[in-house]
């Protein structure tokens, strides 16, 4: 078992693979939970290293322990902007670069779908998530992730009946509500930045989700199971 678990900034579930033996195997399997281990890190270089630092993804990473991840492949950008291309520590303000935030690939893909047809600007999403990172060293952001927050701790609590928390992202309860919260926070960041989630030419001052086509919202809701909606 890892020395501690670290959690995805979007869904609040473990941002790495976990032992599922305590779960109902009729509801979750190694295959269905494999998405937990598909993780990327949203990063931003220290201003000392780059005057106009922009947020970027490190590329796929593997979890080690104590919030440390190892990049799957060497990346010169990581060495230049973060000072290391071999190990990265998330949710740690004491590192020589800005705080690093882990995300599941599937969760970020879902966030992009919810925001569509607008494009997501990484700097805005990064600043939004960064503002919710507790001081010092943390295991997760300070968002209320619902049942996922109940399971968070030094080690993820595997509670019977909550297998949906480690299922596909489209089965995460309150997904529309939580994505709306992140996008709403991003709009607040927009007031302090000259860039944000790119608007359409004929859309101004509208909430991202309120401007979504009805067909898209219906399609997203149809992808959820009954318990996730009610």
C-alpha atoms as a PDB file:
ATOM      1  CA  UNK A   1       0.000   0.000   0.000  1.00  0.00           C
ATOM      2  CA  UNK A   2       1.215   3.510  -0.777  1.00  0.00           C
ATOM      3  CA  UNK A   3       2.304   5.617   2.180  1.00  0.00           C
ATOM      4  CA  UNK A   4      -0.686   7.862   1.514  1.00  0.00           C
ATOM      5  CA  UNK A   5      -3.203   8.486  -1.229  1.00  0.00           C
ATOM      6  CA  UNK A   6      -3.482  11.634  -3.343  1.00  0.00           C
ATOM      7  CA  UNK A   7      -6.733  12.736  -4.927  1.00  0.00           C
ATOM      8  CA  UNK A   8      -7.914  14.111  -8.264  1.00  0.00           C
ATOM      9  CA  UNK A   9      -8.640  17.837  -8.190  1.00  0.00           C
ATOM     10  CA  UNK A  10     -11.841  17.379 -10.194  1.00  0.00           C
ATOM     11  CA  UNK A  11     -13.643  14.295  -8.844  1.00  0.00           C
ATOM     12  CA  UNK A  12     -11.906  13.776  -5.490  1.00  0.00           C
ATOM     13  CA  UNK A  13     -11.208  10.065  -6.074  1.00  0.00           C
ATOM     14  CA  UNK A  14      -7.682   8.599  -5.830  1.00  0.00           C
ATOM     15  CA  UNK A  15      -5.394   9.895  -8.574  1.00  0.00           C
ATOM     16  CA  UNK A  16      -3.718   6.498  -8.968  1.00  0.00           C
ATOM     17  CA  UNK A  17      -4.683   2.842  -8.975  1.00  0.00           C
ATOM     18  CA  UNK A  18      -6.087   1.302  -5.797  1.00  0.00           C
ATOM     19  CA  UNK A  19      -6.820  -2.098  -4.293  1.00  0.00           C
ATOM     20  CA  UNK A  20     -10.514  -2.828  -4.891  1.00  0.00           C
ATOM     21  CA  UNK A  21     -10.739  -6.049  -2.839  1.00  0.00           C
ATOM     22  CA  UNK A  22     -13.013  -4.415  -0.240  1.00  0.00           C
ATOM     23  CA  UNK A  23     -15.572  -3.442  -2.870  1.00  0.00           C
ATOM     24  CA  UNK A  24     -18.458  -5.454  -4.303  1.00  0.00           C
ATOM     25  CA  UNK A  25     -16.823  -7.132  -7.299  1.00  0.00           C
ATOM     26  CA  UNK A  26     -20.164  -7.229  -9.094  1.00  0.00           C
ATOM     27  CA  UNK A  27     -20.046  -3.426  -9.189  1.00  0.00           C
ATOM     28  CA  UNK A  28     -16.371  -2.681  -9.735  1.00  0.00           C
ATOM     29  CA  UNK A  29     -13.430  -4.524 -11.267  1.00  0.00           C
ATOM     30  CA  UNK A  30      -9.767  -3.849 -11.958  1.00  0.00           C
ATOM     31  CA  UNK A  31     -10.739  -3.097 -15.537  1.00  0.00           C
ATOM     32  CA  UNK A  32     -13.548  -0.666 -14.672  1.00  0.00           C
ATOM     33  CA  UNK A  33     -11.319   1.147 -12.167  1.00  0.00           C
ATOM     34  CA  UNK A  34      -8.299   1.345 -14.488  1.00  0.00           C
ATOM     35  CA  UNK A  35      -9.132   4.955 -15.383  1.00  0.00           C
ATOM     36  CA  UNK A  36      -8.001   6.022 -11.876  1.00  0.00           C
ATOM     37  CA  UNK A  37      -4.394   5.423 -12.899  1.00  0.00           C
ATOM     38  CA  UNK A  38      -4.579   7.580 -16.036  1.00  0.00           C
ATOM     39  CA  UNK A  39      -3.343  10.822 -14.504  1.00  0.00           C
ATOM     40  CA  UNK A  40      -1.799  14.054 -15.733  1.00  0.00           C
ATOM     41  CA  UNK A  41      -0.502  16.963 -13.671  1.00  0.00           C
ATOM     42  CA  UNK A  42      -1.456  20.580 -14.276  1.00  0.00           C
ATOM     43  CA  UNK A  43       1.603  22.707 -13.576  1.00  0.00           C
ATOM     44  CA  UNK A  44       2.969  26.219 -13.755  1.00  0.00           C
ATOM     45  CA  UNK A  45       6.616  27.199 -13.651  1.00  0.00           C
ATOM     46  CA  UNK A  46       8.009  29.494 -11.023  1.00  0.00           C
ATOM     47  CA  UNK A  47       8.095  33.123 -12.098  1.00  0.00           C
ATOM     48  CA  UNK A  48      11.813  32.997 -11.317  1.00  0.00           C
ATOM     49  CA  UNK A  49      12.268  30.486 -14.094  1.00  0.00           C
ATOM     50  CA  UNK A  50       9.953  32.063 -16.644  1.00  0.00           C
ATOM     51  CA  UNK A  51       8.653  35.619 -16.588  1.00  0.00           C
ATOM     52  CA  UNK A  52       5.397  34.884 -18.396  1.00  0.00           C
ATOM     53  CA  UNK A  53       4.802  31.383 -17.060  1.00  0.00           C
ATOM     54  CA  UNK A  54       1.780  29.582 -18.464  1.00  0.00           C
ATOM     55  CA  UNK A  55      -0.019  26.530 -17.146  1.00  0.00           C
ATOM     56  CA  UNK A  56       0.725  23.262 -18.900  1.00  0.00           C
ATOM     57  CA  UNK A  57       0.282  19.511 -18.517  1.00  0.00           C
ATOM     58  CA  UNK A  58       3.333  17.486 -17.536  1.00  0.00           C
ATOM     59  CA  UNK A  59       2.232  14.449 -19.515  1.00  0.00           C
ATOM     60  CA  UNK A  60       1.212  11.039 -18.108  1.00  0.00           C
ATOM     61  CA  UNK A  61       2.568  10.197 -14.665  1.00  0.00           C
ATOM     62  CA  UNK A  62       2.738   7.199 -12.331  1.00  0.00           C
ATOM     63  CA  UNK A  63       2.111   7.494  -8.606  1.00  0.00           C
ATOM     64  CA  UNK A  64       4.931   6.558  -6.253  1.00  0.00           C
ATOM     65  CA  UNK A  65       4.160   7.626  -2.660  1.00  0.00           C
ATOM     66  CA  UNK A  66       3.844  10.642  -0.370  1.00  0.00           C
ATOM     67  CA  UNK A  67       2.280  12.749  -3.169  1.00  0.00           C
ATOM     68  CA  UNK A  68       5.221  12.005  -5.472  1.00  0.00           C
ATOM     69  CA  UNK A  69       4.661  11.124  -9.117  1.00  0.00           C
ATOM     70  CA  UNK A  70       7.093  10.025 -11.801  1.00  0.00           C
ATOM     71  CA  UNK A  71       6.636  11.184 -15.414  1.00  0.00           C
ATOM     72  CA  UNK A  72       6.144   8.266 -17.785  1.00  0.00           C
ATOM     73  CA  UNK A  73       8.547   9.839 -20.290  1.00  0.00           C
ATOM     74  CA  UNK A  74      11.407  12.320 -19.957  1.00  0.00           C
ATOM     75  CA  UNK A  75      10.358  15.857 -20.821  1.00  0.00           C
ATOM     76  CA  UNK A  76      12.785  18.736 -21.292  1.00  0.00           C
ATOM     77  CA  UNK A  77      10.019  21.223 -20.483  1.00  0.00           C
ATOM     78  CA  UNK A  78       9.709  19.749 -16.996  1.00  0.00           C
ATOM     79  CA  UNK A  79      13.414  20.157 -16.335  1.00  0.00           C
ATOM     80  CA  UNK A  80      13.411  23.722 -17.642  1.00  0.00           C
ATOM     81  CA  UNK A  81      10.239  24.928 -15.919  1.00  0.00           C
ATOM     82  CA  UNK A  82       9.958  22.772 -12.798  1.00  0.00           C
ATOM     83  CA  UNK A  83      13.570  21.853 -12.162  1.00  0.00           C
ATOM     84  CA  UNK A  84      12.993  18.095 -12.440  1.00  0.00           C
ATOM     85  CA  UNK A  85      11.875  15.604 -15.048  1.00  0.00           C
ATOM     86  CA  UNK A  86      12.084  12.546 -12.784  1.00  0.00           C
ATOM     87  CA  UNK A  87       9.831  13.265  -9.788  1.00  0.00           C
ATOM     88  CA  UNK A  88       7.026  15.717  -9.082  1.00  0.00           C
ATOM     89  CA  UNK A  89       5.182  16.356  -5.824  1.00  0.00           C
ATOM     90  CA  UNK A  90       1.563  17.517  -5.961  1.00  0.00           C
ATOM     91  CA  UNK A  91      -0.348  19.746  -3.531  1.00  0.00           C
ATOM     92  CA  UNK A  92       2.899  20.961  -1.958  1.00  0.00           C
ATOM     93  CA  UNK A  93       3.497  24.704  -1.587  1.00  0.00           C
ATOM     94  CA  UNK A  94       7.035  24.145  -0.291  1.00  0.00           C
ATOM     95  CA  UNK A  95       8.354  23.003  -3.672  1.00  0.00           C
ATOM     96  CA  UNK A  96      10.525  25.505  -5.638  1.00  0.00           C
ATOM     97  CA  UNK A  97       7.830  25.879  -8.295  1.00  0.00           C
ATOM     98  CA  UNK A  98       4.142  26.704  -8.133  1.00  0.00           C
ATOM     99  CA  UNK A  99       1.812  24.067  -6.687  1.00  0.00           C
ATOM    100  CA  UNK A 100       1.103  21.032  -8.904  1.00  0.00           C
ATOM    101  CA  UNK A 101      -2.420  19.670  -9.349  1.00  0.00           C
ATOM    102  CA  UNK A 102      -3.228  16.061 -10.419  1.00  0.00           C
ATOM    103  CA  UNK A 103      -6.191  15.327 -12.690  1.00  0.00           C
ATOM    104  CA  UNK A 104      -7.617  12.147 -14.150  1.00  0.00           C
ATOM    105  CA  UNK A 105      -7.494  12.215 -17.943  1.00  0.00           C
ATOM    106  CA  UNK A 106     -11.144  11.142 -18.029  1.00  0.00           C
ATOM    107  CA  UNK A 107     -12.214  13.915 -15.647  1.00  0.00           C
ATOM    108  CA  UNK A 108     -10.501  16.597 -17.711  1.00  0.00           C
ATOM    109  CA  UNK A 109     -12.053  15.198 -20.893  1.00  0.00           C
ATOM    110  CA  UNK A 110     -15.459  15.425 -19.229  1.00  0.00           C
ATOM    111  CA  UNK A 111     -14.763  18.995 -18.111  1.00  0.00           C
ATOM    112  CA  UNK A 112     -14.024  19.929 -21.716  1.00  0.00           C
ATOM    113  CA  UNK A 113     -17.288  18.358 -22.861  1.00  0.00           C
ATOM    114  CA  UNK A 114     -19.268  20.263 -20.235  1.00  0.00           C
ATOM    115  CA  UNK A 115     -17.611  23.541 -21.248  1.00  0.00           C
ATOM    116  CA  UNK A 116     -18.185  22.980 -24.971  1.00  0.00           C
ATOM    117  CA  UNK A 117     -18.600  24.712 -27.356  1.00  0.00           C
ATOM    118  CA  UNK A 118     -16.211  26.996 -25.527  1.00  0.00           C
ATOM    119  CA  UNK A 119     -12.555  26.166 -25.221  1.00  0.00           C
ATOM    120  CA  UNK A 120     -10.909  25.760 -21.835  1.00  0.00           C
ATOM    121  CA  UNK A 121      -7.905  27.954 -21.108  1.00  0.00           C
ATOM    122  CA  UNK A 122      -5.467  26.065 -18.910  1.00  0.00           C
ATOM    123  CA  UNK A 123      -4.303  29.170 -17.052  1.00  0.00           C
ATOM    124  CA  UNK A 124      -7.818  29.915 -15.826  1.00  0.00           C
ATOM    125  CA  UNK A 125      -8.541  26.336 -14.749  1.00  0.00           C
ATOM    126  CA  UNK A 126      -5.141  26.164 -13.056  1.00  0.00           C
ATOM    127  CA  UNK A 127      -5.665  29.391 -11.098  1.00  0.00           C
ATOM    128  CA  UNK A 128      -9.159  28.243 -10.120  1.00  0.00           C
ATOM    129  CA  UNK A 129      -7.936  24.914  -8.747  1.00  0.00           C
ATOM    130  CA  UNK A 130      -4.799  26.453  -7.241  1.00  0.00           C
ATOM    131  CA  UNK A 131      -6.912  28.825  -5.138  1.00  0.00           C
ATOM    132  CA  UNK A 132      -8.522  25.798  -3.449  1.00  0.00           C
ATOM    133  CA  UNK A 133      -5.262  24.116  -2.452  1.00  0.00           C
ATOM    134  CA  UNK A 134      -4.721  24.226   1.341  1.00  0.00           C
ATOM    135  CA  UNK A 135      -1.507  25.691   2.726  1.00  0.00           C
ATOM    136  CA  UNK A 136       1.536  23.512   3.292  1.00  0.00           C
ATOM    137  CA  UNK A 137       1.118  19.976   1.979  1.00  0.00           C
ATOM    138  CA  UNK A 138      -2.323  18.529   1.226  1.00  0.00           C
ATOM    139  CA  UNK A 139      -3.833  15.353  -0.176  1.00  0.00           C
ATOM    140  CA  UNK A 140      -6.658  17.091  -2.045  1.00  0.00           C
ATOM    141  CA  UNK A 141      -8.249  20.465  -2.722  1.00  0.00           C
ATOM    142  CA  UNK A 142     -10.706  21.956  -0.218  1.00  0.00           C
ATOM    143  CA  UNK A 143     -13.752  21.433  -2.449  1.00  0.00           C
ATOM    144  CA  UNK A 144     -16.766  19.526  -1.129  1.00  0.00           C
ATOM    145  CA  UNK A 145     -16.672  16.395  -3.291  1.00  0.00           C
ATOM    146  CA  UNK A 146     -19.730  14.898  -1.632  1.00  0.00           C
ATOM    147  CA  UNK A 147     -19.304  11.206  -0.814  1.00  0.00           C
ATOM    148  CA  UNK A 148     -15.760  11.295  -2.194  1.00  0.00           C
ATOM    149  CA  UNK A 149     -14.794  13.745   0.560  1.00  0.00           C
ATOM    150  CA  UNK A 150     -16.128  11.245   3.106  1.00  0.00           C
ATOM    151  CA  UNK A 151     -13.780   8.603   1.729  1.00  0.00           C
ATOM    152  CA  UNK A 152     -10.712  10.843   1.566  1.00  0.00           C
ATOM    153  CA  UNK A 153      -8.012  10.567   4.197  1.00  0.00           C
ATOM    154  CA  UNK A 154      -4.440   9.410   4.486  1.00  0.00           C
ATOM    155  CA  UNK A 155      -5.806   6.296   2.823  1.00  0.00           C
ATOM    156  CA  UNK A 156      -8.941   6.071   0.679  1.00  0.00           C
ATOM    157  CA  UNK A 157     -11.833   4.511   2.614  1.00  0.00           C
ATOM    158  CA  UNK A 158     -13.437   1.704   0.621  1.00  0.00           C
ATOM    159  CA  UNK A 159     -17.050   1.893   1.774  1.00  0.00           C
ATOM    160  CA  UNK A 160     -19.573  -0.651   0.554  1.00  0.00           C
ATOM    161  CA  UNK A 161     -22.304   0.926  -1.535  1.00  0.00           C
ATOM    162  CA  UNK A 162     -20.004   3.698  -2.776  1.00  0.00           C
ATOM    163  CA  UNK A 163     -18.411   1.733  -5.601  1.00  0.00           C
ATOM    164  CA  UNK A 164     -19.674   4.369  -8.037  1.00  0.00           C
ATOM    165  CA  UNK A 165     -16.932   6.711  -6.765  1.00  0.00           C
ATOM    166  CA  UNK A 166     -14.294   4.607  -8.522  1.00  0.00           C
ATOM    167  CA  UNK A 167     -16.372   3.926 -11.630  1.00  0.00           C
ATOM    168  CA  UNK A 168     -16.179   5.739 -14.938  1.00  0.00           C
ATOM    169  CA  UNK A 169     -16.317   9.557 -14.566  1.00  0.00           C
ATOM    170  CA  UNK A 170     -19.701   9.623 -16.290  1.00  0.00           C
ATOM    171  CA  UNK A 171     -21.096   7.792 -13.246  1.00  0.00           C
ATOM    172  CA  UNK A 172     -19.845  10.277 -10.651  1.00  0.00           C
ATOM    173  CA  UNK A 173     -22.790  11.753  -8.684  1.00  0.00           C
ATOM    174  CA  UNK A 174     -23.361  15.518  -8.860  1.00  0.00           C
ATOM    175  CA  UNK A 175     -21.024  15.722 -11.855  1.00  0.00           C
ATOM    176  CA  UNK A 176     -23.007  18.498 -13.546  1.00  0.00           C
ATOM    177  CA  UNK A 177     -23.199  20.458 -10.289  1.00  0.00           C
ATOM    178  CA  UNK A 178     -19.492  20.146  -9.594  1.00  0.00           C
ATOM    179  CA  UNK A 179     -18.419  20.967 -13.159  1.00  0.00           C
ATOM    180  CA  UNK A 180     -20.669  24.019 -12.946  1.00  0.00           C
ATOM    181  CA  UNK A 181     -18.893  25.047  -9.730  1.00  0.00           C
ATOM    182  CA  UNK A 182     -15.455  24.812 -11.336  1.00  0.00           C
ATOM    183  CA  UNK A 183     -16.583  26.738 -14.403  1.00  0.00           C
ATOM    184  CA  UNK A 184     -18.275  29.376 -12.236  1.00  0.00           C
ATOM    185  CA  UNK A 185     -15.046  29.785 -10.264  1.00  0.00           C
ATOM    186  CA  UNK A 186     -13.223  30.102 -13.557  1.00  0.00           C
ATOM    187  CA  UNK A 187     -15.498  32.971 -14.545  1.00  0.00           C
ATOM    188  CA  UNK A 188     -14.442  34.768 -11.356  1.00  0.00           C
ATOM    189  CA  UNK A 189     -10.830  34.303 -12.368  1.00  0.00           C
ATOM    190  CA  UNK A 190     -11.724  35.781 -15.749  1.00  0.00           C
ATOM    191  CA  UNK A 191     -12.451  39.148 -14.128  1.00  0.00           C
ATOM    192  CA  UNK A 192      -8.812  39.288 -12.986  1.00  0.00           C
ATOM    193  CA  UNK A 193      -7.294  37.961 -16.182  1.00  0.00           C
ATOM    194  CA  UNK A 194      -7.277  39.104 -19.778  1.00  0.00           C
ATOM    195  CA  UNK A 195      -7.999  35.567 -20.909  1.00  0.00           C
ATOM    196  CA  UNK A 196     -10.503  32.910 -19.887  1.00  0.00           C
ATOM    197  CA  UNK A 197     -12.738  30.231 -21.310  1.00  0.00           C
ATOM    198  CA  UNK A 198     -13.021  31.560 -24.845  1.00  0.00           C
ATOM    199  CA  UNK A 199     -16.516  32.971 -25.559  1.00  0.00           C
ATOM    200  CA  UNK A 200     -18.387  32.639 -28.806  1.00  0.00           C
ATOM    201  CA  UNK A 201     -18.767  35.810 -30.812  1.00  0.00           C
ATOM    202  CA  UNK A 202     -22.481  36.050 -30.077  1.00  0.00           C
ATOM    203  CA  UNK A 203     -22.267  35.108 -26.379  1.00  0.00           C
ATOM    204  CA  UNK A 204     -21.337  37.606 -23.645  1.00  0.00           C
ATOM    205  CA  UNK A 205     -21.601  37.425 -19.860  1.00  0.00           C
ATOM    206  CA  UNK A 206     -23.367  34.060 -19.906  1.00  0.00           C
ATOM    207  CA  UNK A 207     -22.704  31.176 -17.608  1.00  0.00           C
ATOM    208  CA  UNK A 208     -20.920  28.407 -19.474  1.00  0.00           C
ATOM    209  CA  UNK A 209     -23.459  25.717 -18.647  1.00  0.00           C
ATOM    210  CA  UNK A 210     -26.486  27.938 -19.242  1.00  0.00           C
ATOM    211  CA  UNK A 211     -25.240  28.542 -22.769  1.00  0.00           C
ATOM    212  CA  UNK A 212     -24.842  24.853 -23.581  1.00  0.00           C
ATOM    213  CA  UNK A 213     -27.106  23.504 -26.332  1.00  0.00           C
ATOM    214  CA  UNK A 214     -30.010  21.523 -24.909  1.00  0.00           C
ATOM    215  CA  UNK A 215     -29.004  18.529 -26.991  1.00  0.00           C
ATOM    216  CA  UNK A 216     -25.549  18.452 -25.401  1.00  0.00           C
ATOM    217  CA  UNK A 217     -26.866  18.703 -21.843  1.00  0.00           C
ATOM    218  CA  UNK A 218     -29.402  15.959 -22.577  1.00  0.00           C
ATOM    219  CA  UNK A 219     -26.655  13.777 -24.009  1.00  0.00           C
ATOM    220  CA  UNK A 220     -24.513  14.273 -20.892  1.00  0.00           C
ATOM    221  CA  UNK A 221     -27.386  13.469 -18.529  1.00  0.00           C
ATOM    222  CA  UNK A 222     -28.267  10.380 -20.563  1.00  0.00           C
ATOM    223  CA  UNK A 223     -24.743   9.076 -19.930  1.00  0.00           C
ATOM    224  CA  UNK A 224     -25.367   9.031 -16.167  1.00  0.00           C
ATOM    225  CA  UNK A 225     -27.027   6.173 -14.354  1.00  0.00           C
ATOM    226  CA  UNK A 226     -30.275   6.689 -12.424  1.00  0.00           C
ATOM    227  CA  UNK A 227     -28.584   7.028  -9.015  1.00  0.00           C
ATOM    228  CA  UNK A 228     -26.187   9.685 -10.308  1.00  0.00           C
ATOM    229  CA  UNK A 229     -29.058  11.911 -11.416  1.00  0.00           C
ATOM    230  CA  UNK A 230     -31.347  11.401  -8.438  1.00  0.00           C
END
